[in-house]
């Protein structure tokens, strides 16, 4: 059974930093592209960033230059490091896993991912 468990969310002031973690189990982690998505109240889920099985990253324009993603295949864990947080970053953050052969170039599309975590709340106060 595949499980993704996010942690590290919380309340932070604008300009602060947080690091989210997502621990995966039940899958061959190195075969999966790992994405981060977020959903704010009343809004649709949106792509935040992705790290491929080889470590290449891509980000949404809204977080580019402020967020970074890394993965530790030995620990089956992916990290989302967030700097210079803004109130607009307030959302539930989800990690997702998609088989490398299925994601292709559509890494920004949530529908491409097979497994999702339950999410962790990030609240940025002004």
Foldseek 3Di string as FASTA:
>chain_A
DKAWAKDWADEAAAQAKTKMKIAIDDDQLLQKKKFKWWDDPPGDIWGAKIQHSVGDMDGDPVQPPFWDKGDDSVRRMIMIIGGRDDQVVWTWMKMFIAGNVQCPVVVGDPVRTDDMHPTDTHGYHD
